[in-house]
Amino acid sequence: MVTSNPILWPGLALVALTFAVTVVMYRRRIGEMVRERIHPQSVALSGQLAQRLSDSRASDNYRNLFELPVLFYFGVAVTLATGVRDPWVVGLAWGFVVLRIAHSAIQCSYNKVMHRFRVFLLGTAVLLAFWIRLGWQLAQA
């Protein structure tokens, strides 16, 4: 029988956020292409896409979800592989996910750069704390 490690839930939540942004991105992208009668082949390259489509908020956010969160996913994998079950590690993981949700909400909606940047910095600090705590737990083992 497989027992669930609590670190899985924030990991799955970030995966769910990524898929949700994927849906938003494609709905906006396809909607704009249909409205503006843009042929798919005319936006085959990212440079063409940037020139032809005016709303890149969701696609920019989608790309962001494969940058800093890579360190989070690796931390989740390390936590699972080593059997760490520290409530601080899990709490910091949830904190990071909540901040990524806020970051996505800002970027995919009104996109105020300084609001998004503050959330990004706070998320980076939480992720750093996550890794420090995880490293501490590993060093204690």
N, C-alpha and C. Protein backbone atom coordinates (compact mmCIF):
# COMPACT_ATOMS: atom_id res chain seq x y z
N MET A 1 0.83 -1.19 0.00
CA MET A 1 0.00 0.00 0.00
C MET A 1 0.88 1.25 0.00
N VAL A 2 0.52 2.21 -0.82
CA VAL A 2 1.27 3.46 -0.92
C VAL A 2 0.74 4.43 0.13
N THR A 3 1.66 5.00 0.91
CA THR A 3 1.25 6.03 1.86
C THR A 3 1.58 7.39 1.28
N SER A 4 0.72 8.32 1.51
CA SER A 4 0.87 9.65 0.93
C SER A 4 1.77 10.52 1.80
N ASN A 5 2.75 11.12 1.19
CA ASN A 5 3.58 12.11 1.87
C ASN A 5 2.93 13.46 1.65
N PRO A 6 2.77 14.28 2.69
CA PRO A 6 2.08 15.56 2.54
C PRO A 6 2.73 16.52 1.53
N ILE A 7 3.99 16.31 1.20
CA ILE A 7 4.66 17.18 0.23
C ILE A 7 4.07 17.01 -1.17
N LEU A 8 3.40 15.88 -1.40
CA LEU A 8 2.80 15.65 -2.72
C LEU A 8 1.72 16.68 -3.05
N TRP A 9 0.96 17.11 -2.05
CA TRP A 9 -0.19 17.99 -2.31
C TRP A 9 0.20 19.36 -2.86
N PRO A 10 1.20 20.04 -2.28
CA PRO A 10 1.60 21.30 -2.92
C PRO A 10 2.21 21.07 -4.31
N GLY A 11 2.92 19.96 -4.48
CA GLY A 11 3.45 19.63 -5.81
C GLY A 11 2.34 19.46 -6.83
N LEU A 12 1.31 18.72 -6.45
CA LEU A 12 0.17 18.52 -7.35
C LEU A 12 -0.59 19.82 -7.59
N ALA A 13 -0.65 20.66 -6.58
CA ALA A 13 -1.34 21.95 -6.74
C ALA A 13 -0.63 22.82 -7.78
N LEU A 14 0.71 22.80 -7.77
CA LEU A 14 1.43 23.60 -8.77
C LEU A 14 1.27 23.00 -10.16
N VAL A 15 1.21 21.70 -10.25
CA VAL A 15 0.93 21.05 -11.54
C VAL A 15 -0.46 21.48 -12.03
N ALA A 16 -1.44 21.49 -11.14
CA ALA A 16 -2.80 21.92 -11.51
C ALA A 16 -2.81 23.37 -11.98
N LEU A 17 -2.06 24.23 -11.30
CA LEU A 17 -1.96 25.63 -11.73
C LEU A 17 -1.38 25.71 -13.14
N THR A 18 -0.36 24.94 -13.41
CA THR A 18 0.27 24.95 -14.73
C THR A 18 -0.72 24.54 -15.81
N PHE A 19 -1.51 23.50 -15.55
CA PHE A 19 -2.52 23.09 -16.53
C PHE A 19 -3.63 24.14 -16.67
N ALA A 20 -3.99 24.79 -15.57
CA ALA A 20 -5.01 25.85 -15.65
C ALA A 20 -4.53 27.01 -16.51
N VAL A 21 -3.27 27.41 -16.34
CA VAL A 21 -2.71 28.48 -17.17
C VAL A 21 -2.61 28.02 -18.62
N THR A 22 -2.34 26.75 -18.84
CA THR A 22 -2.30 26.21 -20.20
C THR A 22 -3.65 26.41 -20.89
N VAL A 23 -4.72 26.11 -20.18
CA VAL A 23 -6.07 26.28 -20.74
C VAL A 23 -6.34 27.75 -21.04
N VAL A 24 -6.01 28.63 -20.10
CA VAL A 24 -6.21 30.07 -20.32
C VAL A 24 -5.41 30.54 -21.53
N MET A 25 -4.15 30.11 -21.61
CA MET A 25 -3.29 30.53 -22.72
C MET A 25 -3.88 30.11 -24.06
N TYR A 26 -4.28 28.86 -24.18
CA TYR A 26 -4.80 28.40 -25.46
C TYR A 26 -6.15 29.00 -25.79
N ARG A 27 -6.99 29.23 -24.81
CA ARG A 27 -8.28 29.88 -25.09
C ARG A 27 -8.05 31.29 -25.62
N ARG A 28 -7.13 32.02 -24.98
CA ARG A 28 -6.86 33.39 -25.44
C ARG A 28 -6.19 33.39 -26.81
N ARG A 29 -5.21 32.52 -26.96
CA ARG A 29 -4.46 32.47 -28.21
C ARG A 29 -5.35 32.08 -29.38
N ILE A 30 -6.12 31.02 -29.23
CA ILE A 30 -7.00 30.57 -30.31
C ILE A 30 -8.09 31.60 -30.56
N GLY A 31 -8.63 32.17 -29.48
CA GLY A 31 -9.66 33.21 -29.64
C GLY A 31 -9.16 34.40 -30.44
N GLU A 32 -7.96 34.86 -30.12
CA GLU A 32 -7.39 35.99 -30.86
C GLU A 32 -7.09 35.62 -32.30
N MET A 33 -6.61 34.41 -32.52
CA MET A 33 -6.31 33.99 -33.89
C MET A 33 -7.59 33.91 -34.73
N VAL A 34 -8.66 33.44 -34.14
CA VAL A 34 -9.93 33.36 -34.85
C VAL A 34 -10.46 34.76 -35.13
N ARG A 35 -10.48 35.63 -34.10
CA ARG A 35 -10.99 37.00 -34.26
C ARG A 35 -10.21 37.78 -35.31
N GLU A 36 -8.90 37.64 -35.28
CA GLU A 36 -8.04 38.42 -36.18
C GLU A 36 -7.75 37.68 -37.49
N ARG A 37 -8.31 36.51 -37.64
CA ARG A 37 -8.11 35.68 -38.84
C ARG A 37 -6.63 35.44 -39.14
N ILE A 38 -5.94 35.00 -38.11
CA ILE A 38 -4.51 34.72 -38.23
C ILE A 38 -4.34 33.23 -38.54
N HIS A 39 -3.68 32.95 -39.64
CA HIS A 39 -3.44 31.55 -40.03
C HIS A 39 -2.39 30.96 -39.10
N PRO A 40 -2.60 29.74 -38.61
CA PRO A 40 -1.65 29.12 -37.68
C PRO A 40 -0.21 29.08 -38.20
N GLN A 41 -0.02 28.87 -39.48
CA GLN A 41 1.33 28.79 -40.01
C GLN A 41 2.05 30.14 -39.93
N SER A 42 1.29 31.23 -39.91
CA SER A 42 1.91 32.55 -39.86
C SER A 42 2.47 32.88 -38.48
N VAL A 43 2.19 32.03 -37.49
CA VAL A 43 2.75 32.23 -36.14
C VAL A 43 3.48 30.97 -35.68
N ALA A 44 4.14 30.32 -36.62
CA ALA A 44 4.83 29.07 -36.33
C ALA A 44 6.05 29.26 -35.44
N LEU A 45 6.66 30.43 -35.49
CA LEU A 45 7.85 30.72 -34.69
C LEU A 45 7.50 31.72 -33.60
N SER A 46 8.23 31.67 -32.48
CA SER A 46 7.91 32.55 -31.35
C SER A 46 7.99 34.03 -31.73
N GLY A 47 8.92 34.39 -32.61
CA GLY A 47 9.02 35.78 -33.06
C GLY A 47 7.79 36.21 -33.84
N GLN A 48 7.30 35.33 -34.68
CA GLN A 48 6.08 35.62 -35.44
C GLN A 48 4.89 35.73 -34.50
N LEU A 49 4.84 34.86 -33.53
CA LEU A 49 3.75 34.87 -32.55
C LEU A 49 3.72 36.20 -31.81
N ALA A 50 4.88 36.67 -31.38
CA ALA A 50 4.97 37.93 -30.64
C ALA A 50 4.56 39.12 -31.51
N GLN A 51 4.85 39.06 -32.80
CA GLN A 51 4.48 40.15 -33.70
C GLN A 51 2.99 40.16 -34.01
N ARG A 52 2.38 39.01 -34.10
CA ARG A 52 0.99 38.93 -34.57
C ARG A 52 -0.05 38.97 -33.45
N LEU A 53 0.28 38.41 -32.29
CA LEU A 53 -0.69 38.35 -31.20
C LEU A 53 -0.43 39.46 -30.19
N SER A 54 -1.48 40.12 -29.75
CA SER A 54 -1.30 41.26 -28.85
C SER A 54 -1.32 40.89 -27.37
N ASP A 55 -1.94 39.78 -27.01
CA ASP A 55 -2.06 39.41 -25.60
C ASP A 55 -1.19 38.21 -25.29
N SER A 56 -0.05 38.44 -24.65
CA SER A 56 0.86 37.34 -24.33
C SER A 56 0.94 37.08 -22.83
N ARG A 57 0.01 37.66 -22.06
CA ARG A 57 0.08 37.51 -20.59
C ARG A 57 0.09 36.05 -20.16
N ALA A 58 -0.85 35.26 -20.64
CA ALA A 58 -0.94 33.87 -20.21
C ALA A 58 0.25 33.05 -20.72
N SER A 59 0.67 33.29 -21.95
CA SER A 59 1.81 32.53 -22.46
C SER A 59 3.11 32.92 -21.75
N ASP A 60 3.24 34.20 -21.38
CA ASP A 60 4.40 34.62 -20.59
C ASP A 60 4.38 33.92 -19.23
N ASN A 61 3.20 33.84 -18.62
CA ASN A 61 3.09 33.19 -17.32
C ASN A 61 3.36 31.69 -17.44
N TYR A 62 2.88 31.08 -18.49
CA TYR A 62 3.13 29.66 -18.73
C TYR A 62 4.63 29.38 -18.76
N ARG A 63 5.35 30.24 -19.48
CA ARG A 63 6.82 30.10 -19.54
C ARG A 63 7.42 30.26 -18.14
N ASN A 64 6.92 31.23 -17.37
CA ASN A 64 7.42 31.45 -16.01
C ASN A 64 7.24 30.21 -15.12
N LEU A 65 6.19 29.45 -15.37
CA LEU A 65 5.92 28.27 -14.56
C LEU A 65 6.90 27.13 -14.83
N PHE A 66 7.81 27.32 -15.77
CA PHE A 66 8.86 26.34 -16.03
C PHE A 66 10.25 26.90 -15.75
N GLU A 67 10.29 27.98 -15.01
CA GLU A 67 11.57 28.58 -14.63
C GLU A 67 11.84 28.30 -13.16
N LEU A 68 11.53 29.23 -12.27
CA LEU A 68 11.77 29.05 -10.84
C LEU A 68 11.11 27.79 -10.26
N PRO A 69 9.89 27.43 -10.67
CA PRO A 69 9.28 26.23 -10.10
C PRO A 69 10.06 24.94 -10.34
N VAL A 70 11.00 24.92 -11.25
CA VAL A 70 11.82 23.72 -11.44
C VAL A 70 12.56 23.39 -10.14
N LEU A 71 13.04 24.43 -9.44
CA LEU A 71 13.71 24.20 -8.15
C LEU A 71 12.73 23.66 -7.11
N PHE A 72 11.50 24.10 -7.19
CA PHE A 72 10.47 23.60 -6.28
C PHE A 72 10.20 22.12 -6.56
N TYR A 73 9.99 21.76 -7.81
CA TYR A 73 9.71 20.37 -8.15
C TYR A 73 10.87 19.46 -7.74
N PHE A 74 12.09 19.92 -7.94
CA PHE A 74 13.23 19.12 -7.52
C PHE A 74 13.24 18.96 -6.00
N GLY A 75 12.89 20.02 -5.29
CA GLY A 75 12.80 19.94 -3.82
C GLY A 75 11.74 18.94 -3.37
N VAL A 76 10.61 18.92 -4.07
CA VAL A 76 9.57 17.94 -3.76
C VAL A 76 10.13 16.53 -3.99
N ALA A 77 10.82 16.33 -5.10
CA ALA A 77 11.39 15.01 -5.40
C ALA A 77 12.43 14.60 -4.35
N VAL A 78 13.28 15.53 -3.94
CA VAL A 78 14.28 15.24 -2.90
C VAL A 78 13.59 14.89 -1.59
N THR A 79 12.56 15.66 -1.26
CA THR A 79 11.82 15.41 -0.02
C THR A 79 11.22 14.01 -0.04
N LEU A 80 10.61 13.63 -1.16
CA LEU A 80 10.03 12.29 -1.27
C LEU A 80 11.09 11.20 -1.23
N ALA A 81 12.18 11.41 -1.98
CA ALA A 81 13.21 10.38 -2.08
C ALA A 81 13.92 10.13 -0.75
N THR A 82 14.02 11.16 0.07
CA THR A 82 14.74 11.02 1.33
C THR A 82 13.82 10.74 2.51
N GLY A 83 12.52 10.79 2.28
CA GLY A 83 11.57 10.51 3.35
C GLY A 83 11.39 11.62 4.36
N VAL A 84 11.82 12.83 4.02
CA VAL A 84 11.65 13.96 4.94
C VAL A 84 10.16 14.24 5.09
N ARG A 85 9.72 14.37 6.32
CA ARG A 85 8.32 14.67 6.62
C ARG A 85 8.25 15.81 7.62
N ASP A 86 8.92 16.87 7.32
CA ASP A 86 9.00 18.03 8.20
C ASP A 86 7.85 18.99 7.92
N PRO A 87 7.08 19.38 8.93
CA PRO A 87 5.95 20.29 8.69
C PRO A 87 6.39 21.66 8.16
N TRP A 88 7.58 22.11 8.52
CA TRP A 88 8.07 23.39 7.99
C TRP A 88 8.32 23.30 6.49
N VAL A 89 8.89 22.19 6.04
CA VAL A 89 9.14 22.00 4.61
C VAL A 89 7.81 22.01 3.85
N VAL A 90 6.83 21.31 4.38
CA VAL A 90 5.51 21.26 3.74
C VAL A 90 4.85 22.64 3.76
N GLY A 91 4.92 23.31 4.90
CA GLY A 91 4.33 24.66 5.00
C GLY A 91 4.97 25.65 4.04
N LEU A 92 6.29 25.59 3.93
CA LEU A 92 6.98 26.48 2.98
C LEU A 92 6.63 26.12 1.54
N ALA A 93 6.45 24.83 1.28
CA ALA A 93 6.04 24.41 -0.07
C ALA A 93 4.68 25.01 -0.40
N TRP A 94 3.73 24.92 0.54
CA TRP A 94 2.41 25.52 0.31
C TRP A 94 2.51 27.03 0.15
N GLY A 95 3.38 27.66 0.93
CA GLY A 95 3.58 29.10 0.79
C GLY A 95 4.05 29.46 -0.61
N PHE A 96 4.99 28.70 -1.14
CA PHE A 96 5.48 28.94 -2.49
C PHE A 96 4.36 28.79 -3.51
N VAL A 97 3.56 27.73 -3.36
CA VAL A 97 2.46 27.48 -4.31
C VAL A 97 1.44 28.63 -4.26
N VAL A 98 1.08 29.06 -3.07
CA VAL A 98 0.12 30.17 -2.94
C VAL A 98 0.66 31.42 -3.64
N LEU A 99 1.94 31.68 -3.47
CA LEU A 99 2.54 32.86 -4.11
C LEU A 99 2.62 32.69 -5.63
N ARG A 100 2.82 31.47 -6.11
CA ARG A 100 2.80 31.25 -7.57
C ARG A 100 1.39 31.43 -8.12
N ILE A 101 0.39 31.04 -7.35
CA ILE A 101 -0.99 31.27 -7.77
C ILE A 101 -1.25 32.77 -7.86
N ALA A 102 -0.80 33.52 -6.85
CA ALA A 102 -0.97 34.98 -6.87
C ALA A 102 -0.22 35.58 -8.06
N HIS A 103 0.99 35.12 -8.31
CA HIS A 103 1.79 35.62 -9.43
C HIS A 103 1.06 35.38 -10.75
N SER A 104 0.53 34.17 -10.92
CA SER A 104 -0.21 33.84 -12.14
C SER A 104 -1.47 34.68 -12.27
N ALA A 105 -2.18 34.86 -11.17
CA ALA A 105 -3.41 35.67 -11.20
C ALA A 105 -3.10 37.10 -11.63
N ILE A 106 -2.03 37.66 -11.09
CA ILE A 106 -1.65 39.03 -11.47
C ILE A 106 -1.23 39.07 -12.93
N GLN A 107 -0.33 38.18 -13.33
CA GLN A 107 0.20 38.24 -14.69
C GLN A 107 -0.85 37.93 -15.75
N CYS A 108 -1.76 37.04 -15.46
CA CYS A 108 -2.77 36.67 -16.46
C CYS A 108 -3.95 37.64 -16.48
N SER A 109 -4.00 38.56 -15.52
CA SER A 109 -5.12 39.51 -15.50
C SER A 109 -4.62 40.93 -15.73
N TYR A 110 -4.51 41.72 -14.70
CA TYR A 110 -4.18 43.14 -14.88
C TYR A 110 -2.69 43.40 -15.10
N ASN A 111 -1.83 42.47 -14.73
CA ASN A 111 -0.40 42.47 -15.05
C ASN A 111 0.36 43.72 -14.63
N LYS A 112 0.13 44.19 -13.43
CA LYS A 112 0.90 45.32 -12.88
C LYS A 112 2.27 44.79 -12.47
N VAL A 113 3.31 45.26 -13.14
CA VAL A 113 4.65 44.69 -13.00
C VAL A 113 5.16 44.72 -11.56
N MET A 114 5.01 45.85 -10.87
CA MET A 114 5.54 45.93 -9.51
C MET A 114 4.78 45.02 -8.55
N HIS A 115 3.50 44.82 -8.75
CA HIS A 115 2.75 43.87 -7.92
C HIS A 115 3.28 42.46 -8.16
N ARG A 116 3.42 42.13 -9.42
CA ARG A 116 3.91 40.80 -9.80
C ARG A 116 5.33 40.60 -9.28
N PHE A 117 6.17 41.63 -9.38
CA PHE A 117 7.56 41.53 -8.95
C PHE A 117 7.67 41.30 -7.44
N ARG A 118 6.85 41.98 -6.67
CA ARG A 118 6.87 41.79 -5.21
C ARG A 118 6.48 40.36 -4.85
N VAL A 119 5.46 39.84 -5.51
CA VAL A 119 5.04 38.46 -5.26
C VAL A 119 6.14 37.49 -5.69
N PHE A 120 6.79 37.78 -6.81
CA PHE A 120 7.89 36.94 -7.29
C PHE A 120 9.03 36.92 -6.27
N LEU A 121 9.41 38.11 -5.76
CA LEU A 121 10.50 38.17 -4.78
C LEU A 121 10.15 37.41 -3.50
N LEU A 122 8.93 37.58 -3.04
CA LEU A 122 8.49 36.88 -1.84
C LEU A 122 8.49 35.36 -2.09
N GLY A 123 8.02 34.94 -3.26
CA GLY A 123 8.04 33.52 -3.61
C GLY A 123 9.45 32.97 -3.67
N THR A 124 10.37 33.76 -4.20
CA THR A 124 11.77 33.33 -4.27
C THR A 124 12.33 33.17 -2.86
N ALA A 125 12.01 34.11 -1.97
CA ALA A 125 12.47 34.03 -0.58
C ALA A 125 11.89 32.79 0.11
N VAL A 126 10.61 32.50 -0.12
CA VAL A 126 9.99 31.32 0.48
C VAL A 126 10.64 30.05 -0.07
N LEU A 127 10.92 30.02 -1.36
CA LEU A 127 11.57 28.85 -1.95
C LEU A 127 12.98 28.67 -1.38
N LEU A 128 13.69 29.76 -1.18
CA LEU A 128 15.01 29.69 -0.57
C LEU A 128 14.90 29.13 0.86
N ALA A 129 13.92 29.61 1.62
CA ALA A 129 13.71 29.11 2.97
C ALA A 129 13.36 27.61 2.94
N PHE A 130 12.55 27.22 1.97
CA PHE A 130 12.21 25.80 1.78
C PHE A 130 13.47 24.97 1.62
N TRP A 131 14.39 25.44 0.75
CA TRP A 131 15.62 24.70 0.50
C TRP A 131 16.55 24.72 1.71
N ILE A 132 16.61 25.83 2.42
CA ILE A 132 17.44 25.88 3.63
C ILE A 132 16.92 24.89 4.66
N ARG A 133 15.61 24.89 4.87
CA ARG A 133 15.01 23.96 5.84
C ARG A 133 15.20 22.52 5.39
N LEU A 134 14.99 22.24 4.12
CA LEU A 134 15.18 20.90 3.60
C LEU A 134 16.64 20.46 3.77
N GLY A 135 17.57 21.35 3.43
CA GLY A 135 18.99 21.05 3.61
C GLY A 135 19.32 20.77 5.06
N TRP A 136 18.74 21.55 5.96
CA TRP A 136 18.95 21.34 7.40
C TRP A 136 18.43 19.96 7.81
N GLN A 137 17.26 19.61 7.33
CA GLN A 137 16.68 18.30 7.66
C GLN A 137 17.56 17.16 7.12
N LEU A 138 18.09 17.33 5.93
CA LEU A 138 18.96 16.32 5.34
C LEU A 138 20.27 16.20 6.10
N ALA A 139 20.79 17.34 6.56
CA ALA A 139 22.05 17.33 7.31
C ALA A 139 21.87 16.67 8.68
N GLN A 140 20.67 16.71 9.23
CA GLN A 140 20.39 16.12 10.54
C GLN A 140 20.23 14.60 10.46
N ALA A 141 19.98 14.10 9.27
CA ALA A 141 19.71 12.65 9.11
C ALA A 141 20.94 11.81 9.30
